C-alpha atoms as a PDB file:
ATOM      1  CA  MET A   1      84.985  99.899  97.428  1.00  0.00           C
ATOM      2  CA  LYS A   2      87.074  97.043  96.007  1.00  0.00           C
ATOM      3  CA  LEU A   3      90.532  97.768  94.624  1.00  0.00           C
ATOM      4  CA  SER A   4      92.211  95.249  92.312  1.00  0.00           C
ATOM      5  CA  ILE A   5      95.705  95.139  90.802  1.00  0.00           C
ATOM      6  CA  ASN A   6      96.178  93.719  87.311  1.00  0.00           C
ATOM      7  CA  MET A   7      99.695  92.787  86.175  1.00  0.00           C
ATOM      8  CA  ALA A   8     101.442  90.379  83.820  1.00  0.00           C
ATOM      9  CA  MET A   9     104.753  88.833  84.853  1.00  0.00           C
ATOM     10  CA  THR A  10     107.317  86.550  83.237  1.00  0.00           C
ATOM     11  CA  LEU A  11     108.254  83.106  84.503  1.00  0.00           C
ATOM     12  CA  ASP A  12     111.112  84.725  86.441  1.00  0.00           C
ATOM     13  CA  GLY A  13     108.845  87.339  88.014  1.00  0.00           C
ATOM     14  CA  LYS A  14     109.641  90.396  85.888  1.00  0.00           C
ATOM     15  CA  VAL A  15     106.885  92.797  84.815  1.00  0.00           C
ATOM     16  CA  VAL A  16     108.906  94.899  82.362  1.00  0.00           C
ATOM     17  CA  ARG A  17     111.256  94.290  79.470  1.00  0.00           C
ATOM     18  CA  PRO A  18     114.994  95.063  79.814  1.00  0.00           C
ATOM     19  CA  ASP A  19     114.333  98.641  78.648  1.00  0.00           C
ATOM     20  CA  GLY A  20     111.839  99.133  81.499  1.00  0.00           C
ATOM     21  CA  ARG A  21     108.686  99.006  79.363  1.00  0.00           C
ATOM     22  CA  TRP A  22     106.049  96.291  79.216  1.00  0.00           C
ATOM     23  CA  TYR A  23     105.134  96.291  75.497  1.00  0.00           C
ATOM     24  CA  GLY A  24     105.118  92.922  73.758  1.00  0.00           C
ATOM     25  CA  LEU A  25     105.127  90.803  76.916  1.00  0.00           C
ATOM     26  CA  THR A  26     101.487  89.773  76.665  1.00  0.00           C
ATOM     27  CA  SER A  27      99.350  88.056  74.068  1.00  0.00           C
ATOM     28  CA  SER A  28      95.930  88.668  72.580  1.00  0.00           C
ATOM     29  CA  GLU A  29      94.509  86.294  75.225  1.00  0.00           C
ATOM     30  CA  ASP A  30      95.845  88.515  78.012  1.00  0.00           C
ATOM     31  CA  LYS A  31      94.529  91.669  76.354  1.00  0.00           C
ATOM     32  CA  THR A  32      91.092  90.025  76.092  1.00  0.00           C
ATOM     33  CA  GLN A  33      91.185  89.054  79.755  1.00  0.00           C
ATOM     34  CA  MET A  34      92.237  92.589  80.683  1.00  0.00           C
ATOM     35  CA  ASP A  35      89.081  93.817  78.960  1.00  0.00           C
ATOM     36  CA  VAL A  36      87.061  91.378  81.083  1.00  0.00           C
ATOM     37  CA  TYR A  37      88.588  92.860  84.243  1.00  0.00           C
ATOM     38  CA  ARG A  38      87.985  96.390  82.961  1.00  0.00           C
ATOM     39  CA  SER A  39      84.358  95.553  82.181  1.00  0.00           C
ATOM     40  CA  GLN A  40      83.883  94.650  85.855  1.00  0.00           C
ATOM     41  CA  SER A  41      85.300  98.016  86.985  1.00  0.00           C
ATOM     42  CA  ASP A  42      83.926 101.528  86.967  1.00  0.00           C
ATOM     43  CA  ALA A  43      87.302 103.288  87.255  1.00  0.00           C
ATOM     44  CA  VAL A  44      90.876 102.492  86.206  1.00  0.00           C
ATOM     45  CA  LEU A  45      93.797 103.955  88.177  1.00  0.00           C
ATOM     46  CA  ILE A  46      96.852 104.801  86.074  1.00  0.00           C
ATOM     47  CA  GLY A  47     100.155 106.398  87.039  1.00  0.00           C
ATOM     48  CA  LYS A  48     101.909 109.194  85.171  1.00  0.00           C
ATOM     49  CA  ASN A  49     104.788 106.958  84.052  1.00  0.00           C
ATOM     50  CA  SER A  50     102.392 104.431  82.518  1.00  0.00           C
ATOM     51  CA  ILE A  51     100.830 107.217  80.441  1.00  0.00           C
ATOM     52  CA  LEU A  52     104.220 108.562  79.344  1.00  0.00           C
ATOM     53  CA  ASN A  53     105.886 105.203  78.644  1.00  0.00           C
ATOM     54  CA  ASP A  54     103.015 103.107  77.297  1.00  0.00           C
ATOM     55  CA  ASN A  55     100.326 105.601  76.208  1.00  0.00           C
ATOM     56  CA  PRO A  56      97.488 103.127  76.942  1.00  0.00           C
ATOM     57  CA  ILE A  57      94.015 103.231  75.443  1.00  0.00           C
ATOM     58  CA  VAL A  58      91.436 102.779  78.197  1.00  0.00           C
ATOM     59  CA  LYS A  59      88.679 101.295  76.062  1.00  0.00           C
ATOM     60  CA  ILE A  60      87.069  97.864  76.165  1.00  0.00           C
ATOM     61  CA  ARG A  61      87.074  96.064  72.831  1.00  0.00           C
ATOM     62  CA  ALA A  62      86.687  92.365  73.624  1.00  0.00           C
ATOM     63  CA  VAL A  63      83.519  92.495  75.776  1.00  0.00           C
ATOM     64  CA  PRO A  64      80.405  93.448  73.764  1.00  0.00           C
ATOM     65  CA  ASN A  65      78.250  96.266  75.174  1.00  0.00           C
ATOM     66  CA  ALA A  66      80.516  96.748  78.193  1.00  0.00           C
ATOM     67  CA  LEU A  67      80.719 100.189  79.785  1.00  0.00           C
ATOM     68  CA  ASN A  68      84.200 101.676  79.696  1.00  0.00           C
ATOM     69  CA  PRO A  69      85.669 102.553  83.094  1.00  0.00           C
ATOM     70  CA  ARG A  70      86.694 106.104  83.850  1.00  0.00           C
ATOM     71  CA  PRO A  71      90.448 106.789  83.731  1.00  0.00           C
ATOM     72  CA  VAL A  72      91.845 108.187  86.982  1.00  0.00           C
ATOM     73  CA  ILE A  73      95.417 109.443  86.579  1.00  0.00           C
ATOM     74  CA  LEU A  74      97.782 110.062  89.495  1.00  0.00           C
ATOM     75  CA  VAL A  75     100.415 112.762  88.885  1.00  0.00           C
ATOM     76  CA  ARG A  76     102.768 113.552  91.771  1.00  0.00           C
ATOM     77  CA  LYS A  77     105.150 115.855  89.890  1.00  0.00           C
ATOM     78  CA  GLY A  78     104.992 117.768  86.640  1.00  0.00           C
ATOM     79  CA  THR A  79     102.194 117.242  84.173  1.00  0.00           C
ATOM     80  CA  LEU A  80     101.215 115.232  81.081  1.00  0.00           C
ATOM     81  CA  PRO A  81     100.962 116.100  77.380  1.00  0.00           C
ATOM     82  CA  PRO A  82      97.314 116.633  76.401  1.00  0.00           C
ATOM     83  CA  ASP A  83      97.676 114.550  73.217  1.00  0.00           C
ATOM     84  CA  LYS A  84      97.942 111.169  74.988  1.00  0.00           C
ATOM     85  CA  HIS A  85      95.350 108.502  74.098  1.00  0.00           C
ATOM     86  CA  VAL A  86      93.725 108.693  77.522  1.00  0.00           C
ATOM     87  CA  PHE A  87      92.694 112.316  76.882  1.00  0.00           C
ATOM     88  CA  GLU A  88      91.800 111.903  73.224  1.00  0.00           C
ATOM     89  CA  GLU A  89      90.028 108.531  73.066  1.00  0.00           C
ATOM     90  CA  SER A  90      88.279 107.885  76.401  1.00  0.00           C
ATOM     91  CA  ASP A  91      84.501 107.745  76.763  1.00  0.00           C
ATOM     92  CA  HIS A  92      84.739 109.646  80.057  1.00  0.00           C
ATOM     93  CA  ILE A  93      86.662 112.792  80.812  1.00  0.00           C
ATOM     94  CA  PRO A  94      89.646 111.582  82.855  1.00  0.00           C
ATOM     95  CA  LEU A  95      90.025 112.501  86.511  1.00  0.00           C
ATOM     96  CA  VAL A  96      93.535 113.758  87.261  1.00  0.00           C
ATOM     97  CA  ILE A  97      94.585 113.691  90.921  1.00  0.00           C
ATOM     98  CA  CYS A  98      97.667 115.802  91.585  1.00  0.00           C
ATOM     99  CA  THR A  99      99.351 117.573  94.518  1.00  0.00           C
ATOM    100  CA  LYS A 100      99.203 121.169  95.642  1.00  0.00           C
ATOM    101  CA  SER A 101     102.723 121.733  94.263  1.00  0.00           C
ATOM    102  CA  ASN A 102     101.913 120.831  90.637  1.00  0.00           C
ATOM    103  CA  LEU A 103      98.287 121.972  90.470  1.00  0.00           C
ATOM    104  CA  LYS A 104      99.136 125.136  88.522  1.00  0.00           C
ATOM    105  CA  GLU A 105     101.170 123.175  85.963  1.00  0.00           C
ATOM    106  CA  ILE A 106      98.395 120.587  85.571  1.00  0.00           C
ATOM    107  CA  LYS A 107      95.768 123.275  85.067  1.00  0.00           C
ATOM    108  CA  THR A 108      97.875 124.997  82.412  1.00  0.00           C
ATOM    109  CA  SER A 109      98.202 121.900  80.254  1.00  0.00           C
ATOM    110  CA  LEU A 110      95.087 119.839  81.048  1.00  0.00           C
ATOM    111  CA  GLU A 111      92.336 122.210  82.208  1.00  0.00           C
ATOM    112  CA  ASN A 112      90.197 121.501  79.118  1.00  0.00           C
ATOM    113  CA  LYS A 113      91.095 117.804  78.986  1.00  0.00           C
ATOM    114  CA  ALA A 114      90.359 116.518  82.487  1.00  0.00           C
ATOM    115  CA  GLU A 115      88.634 117.015  85.792  1.00  0.00           C
ATOM    116  CA  ILE A 116      91.411 118.058  88.172  1.00  0.00           C
ATOM    117  CA  PHE A 117      91.559 117.383  91.908  1.00  0.00           C
ATOM    118  CA  ALA A 118      94.527 118.516  93.991  1.00  0.00           C
ATOM    119  CA  LEU A 119      95.430 116.867  97.290  1.00  0.00           C
ATOM    120  CA  ASP A 120      96.428 119.132 100.178  1.00  0.00           C
ATOM    121  CA  SER A 121      99.954 117.701 100.243  1.00  0.00           C
ATOM    122  CA  ASP A 122     103.094 117.363  98.130  1.00  0.00           C
ATOM    123  CA  ASP A 123     102.702 113.619  97.657  1.00  0.00           C
ATOM    124  CA  ILE A 124     100.038 111.202  96.423  1.00  0.00           C
ATOM    125  CA  ASP A 125      98.515 109.552  99.486  1.00  0.00           C
ATOM    126  CA  PRO A 126      96.797 106.283  98.451  1.00  0.00           C
ATOM    127  CA  LYS A 127      94.281 106.549 101.307  1.00  0.00           C
ATOM    128  CA  LYS A 128      93.254 110.021 100.177  1.00  0.00           C
ATOM    129  CA  VAL A 129      92.940 108.773  96.604  1.00  0.00           C
ATOM    130  CA  THR A 130      90.625 105.932  97.603  1.00  0.00           C
ATOM    131  CA  GLY A 131      88.662 108.372  99.762  1.00  0.00           C
ATOM    132  CA  ILE A 132      88.037 110.569  96.717  1.00  0.00           C
ATOM    133  CA  LEU A 133      86.943 107.578  94.634  1.00  0.00           C
ATOM    134  CA  LYS A 134      84.598 106.356  97.356  1.00  0.00           C
ATOM    135  CA  ARG A 135      82.974 109.788  97.607  1.00  0.00           C
ATOM    136  CA  LYS A 136      82.462 109.765  93.854  1.00  0.00           C
ATOM    137  CA  GLY A 137      80.600 106.484  94.203  1.00  0.00           C
ATOM    138  CA  TYR A 138      83.018 104.078  92.517  1.00  0.00           C
ATOM    139  CA  LYS A 139      82.565 100.478  93.684  1.00  0.00           C
ATOM    140  CA  ASN A 140      85.209  98.536  91.749  1.00  0.00           C
ATOM    141  CA  VAL A 141      88.518 100.152  90.852  1.00  0.00           C
ATOM    142  CA  LEU A 142      91.224  98.507  88.754  1.00  0.00           C
ATOM    143  CA  LEU A 143      94.815  99.606  89.384  1.00  0.00           C
ATOM    144  CA  GLU A 144      96.850  99.453  86.171  1.00  0.00           C
ATOM    145  CA  GLY A 145      99.832 101.374  87.432  1.00  0.00           C
ATOM    146  CA  GLY A 146     103.436 100.332  87.684  1.00  0.00           C
ATOM    147  CA  PRO A 147     105.318  98.463  90.428  1.00  0.00           C
ATOM    148  CA  LYS A 148     105.973 101.556  92.576  1.00  0.00           C
ATOM    149  CA  LEU A 149     102.318 102.575  92.490  1.00  0.00           C
ATOM    150  CA  ASN A 150     101.293  99.006  93.320  1.00  0.00           C
ATOM    151  CA  PHE A 151     103.672  99.039  96.285  1.00  0.00           C
ATOM    152  CA  SER A 152     102.182 102.242  97.706  1.00  0.00           C
ATOM    153  CA  PHE A 153      98.622 100.860  97.656  1.00  0.00           C
ATOM    154  CA  LEU A 154      99.731  97.486  99.035  1.00  0.00           C
ATOM    155  CA  GLU A 155     101.708  99.229 101.790  1.00  0.00           C
ATOM    156  CA  ALA A 156      98.570 101.174 102.752  1.00  0.00           C
ATOM    157  CA  ASP A 157      96.630  97.869 102.891  1.00  0.00           C
ATOM    158  CA  LEU A 158      94.138  99.048 100.282  1.00  0.00           C
ATOM    159  CA  VAL A 159      94.329  96.179  97.777  1.00  0.00           C
ATOM    160  CA  ASP A 160      91.570  93.553  97.885  1.00  0.00           C
ATOM    161  CA  ARG A 161      92.385  91.481  94.800  1.00  0.00           C
ATOM    162  CA  ILE A 162      95.344  90.743  92.523  1.00  0.00           C
ATOM    163  CA  TYR A 163      95.017  89.537  88.938  1.00  0.00           C
ATOM    164  CA  ILE A 164      98.239  87.965  87.650  1.00  0.00           C
ATOM    165  CA  THR A 165      98.966  86.734  84.156  1.00  0.00           C
ATOM    166  CA  VAL A 166     102.041  84.506  83.934  1.00  0.00           C
ATOM    167  CA  VAL A 167     103.586  84.873  80.476  1.00  0.00           C
ATOM    168  CA  PRO A 168     106.007  82.317  78.958  1.00  0.00           C
ATOM    169  CA  TYR A 169     109.220  84.353  78.923  1.00  0.00           C
ATOM    170  CA  ILE A 170     112.383  84.327  81.022  1.00  0.00           C
ATOM    171  CA  ILE A 171     114.361  87.583  80.934  1.00  0.00           C
ATOM    172  CA  GLY A 172     117.021  86.891  83.544  1.00  0.00           C
ATOM    173  CA  LYS A 173     118.337  90.452  83.874  1.00  0.00           C
ATOM    174  CA  THR A 174     118.794  91.610  87.466  1.00  0.00           C
ATOM    175  CA  GLY A 175     117.269  94.850  88.697  1.00  0.00           C
ATOM    176  CA  LEU A 176     114.020  94.636  86.739  1.00  0.00           C
ATOM    177  CA  ALA A 177     110.855  95.321  88.720  1.00  0.00           C
ATOM    178  CA  GLY A 178     108.365  92.772  89.976  1.00  0.00           C
ATOM    179  CA  ILE A 179     104.679  93.338  90.667  1.00  0.00           C
ATOM    180  CA  ALA A 180     105.490  95.628  93.612  1.00  0.00           C
ATOM    181  CA  ASP A 181     108.827  97.410  93.758  1.00  0.00           C
ATOM    182  CA  ARG A 182     110.649  99.626  96.246  1.00  0.00           C
ATOM    183  CA  ASN A 183     113.919  99.539  98.158  1.00  0.00           C
ATOM    184  CA  SER A 184     112.186  98.241 101.283  1.00  0.00           C
ATOM    185  CA  GLU A 185     109.945  95.241 101.837  1.00  0.00           C
ATOM    186  CA  LEU A 186     106.233  95.403 102.570  1.00  0.00           C
ATOM    187  CA  PRO A 187     105.684  95.436 106.341  1.00  0.00           C
ATOM    188  CA  GLY A 188     104.524  92.043 107.590  1.00  0.00           C
ATOM    189  CA  PHE A 189     104.645  90.525 104.110  1.00  0.00           C
ATOM    190  CA  ASP A 190     104.852  87.010 105.565  1.00  0.00           C
ATOM    191  CA  LYS A 191     101.843  87.611 107.802  1.00  0.00           C
ATOM    192  CA  GLN A 192      99.515  88.518 104.953  1.00  0.00           C
ATOM    193  CA  ASN A 193      97.212  85.832 103.651  1.00  0.00           C
ATOM    194  CA  TRP A 194      96.332  85.918  99.967  1.00  0.00           C
ATOM    195  CA  THR A 195      93.934  83.184  98.873  1.00  0.00           C
ATOM    196  CA  LEU A 196      93.936  81.751  95.359  1.00  0.00           C
ATOM    197  CA  LYS A 197      90.345  82.134  94.182  1.00  0.00           C
ATOM    198  CA  GLN A 198      90.667  81.241  90.527  1.00  0.00           C
ATOM    199  CA  ASN A 199      93.197  79.888  88.043  1.00  0.00           C
ATOM    200  CA  PHE A 200      92.862  79.016  84.387  1.00  0.00           C
ATOM    201  CA  THR A 201      94.931  78.841  81.219  1.00  0.00           C
ATOM    202  CA  LYS A 202      94.576  80.353  77.772  1.00  0.00           C
ATOM    203  CA  GLY A 203      97.170  79.395  75.212  1.00  0.00           C
ATOM    204  CA  ASN A 204     100.575  79.436  76.936  1.00  0.00           C
ATOM    205  CA  GLU A 205      99.536  81.816  79.716  1.00  0.00           C
ATOM    206  CA  ILE A 206      98.269  81.170  83.237  1.00  0.00           C
ATOM    207  CA  PHE A 207      95.713  83.518  84.810  1.00  0.00           C
ATOM    208  CA  LEU A 208      95.602  83.726  88.605  1.00  0.00           C
ATOM    209  CA  VAL A 209      93.172  85.585  90.868  1.00  0.00           C
ATOM    210  CA  TYR A 210      94.172  86.125  94.496  1.00  0.00           C
ATOM    211  CA  GLU A 211      92.010  87.806  97.128  1.00  0.00           C
ATOM    212  CA  LYS A 212      92.958  89.107 100.537  1.00  0.00           C
ATOM    213  CA  SER A 213      91.662  86.814 103.286  1.00  0.00           C
END
């Protein structure tokens, strides 16, 4: 199974606006390219905060006749409102992966909206998540989570490819997240070898594709 991260970042490396959300940072060209990446995937991984903050629609619009990937939502604590776009407008019933501590809460609110799978722990283990997806037969998974979720999968050495869109803004505010974000650095970050496989421009944006060597 191949796991890819897709993120847009500003010229100064920020992936969110000053209020912590990403809306309005990308153009129609980036949204079209995101649909291309989604069309090459059979599942899309999304974190709880992305659903709450951005309420994304996981549907491909820019690639004719493409099959929509299945939404896979990771929820470590609490639950999600059942009226979010991902539950109302997806072609596939979403798969919600939760923990043993919030399984009851998830079932109460989402039992008729999603397939629910609880891990045998109180945290979301990225290796267990990828194990579930492999057993379900998914070959190409696109991670559209936030910086903390990206960090956890990078830390577990599970990421094979990174799609980066560089957008023409400079925010300048300190403390805003980058592509991967936590209080500690990734172990051996300077020993990892990411190879630039593709780069192209559309409008004022640069699109980069890096793969793990």
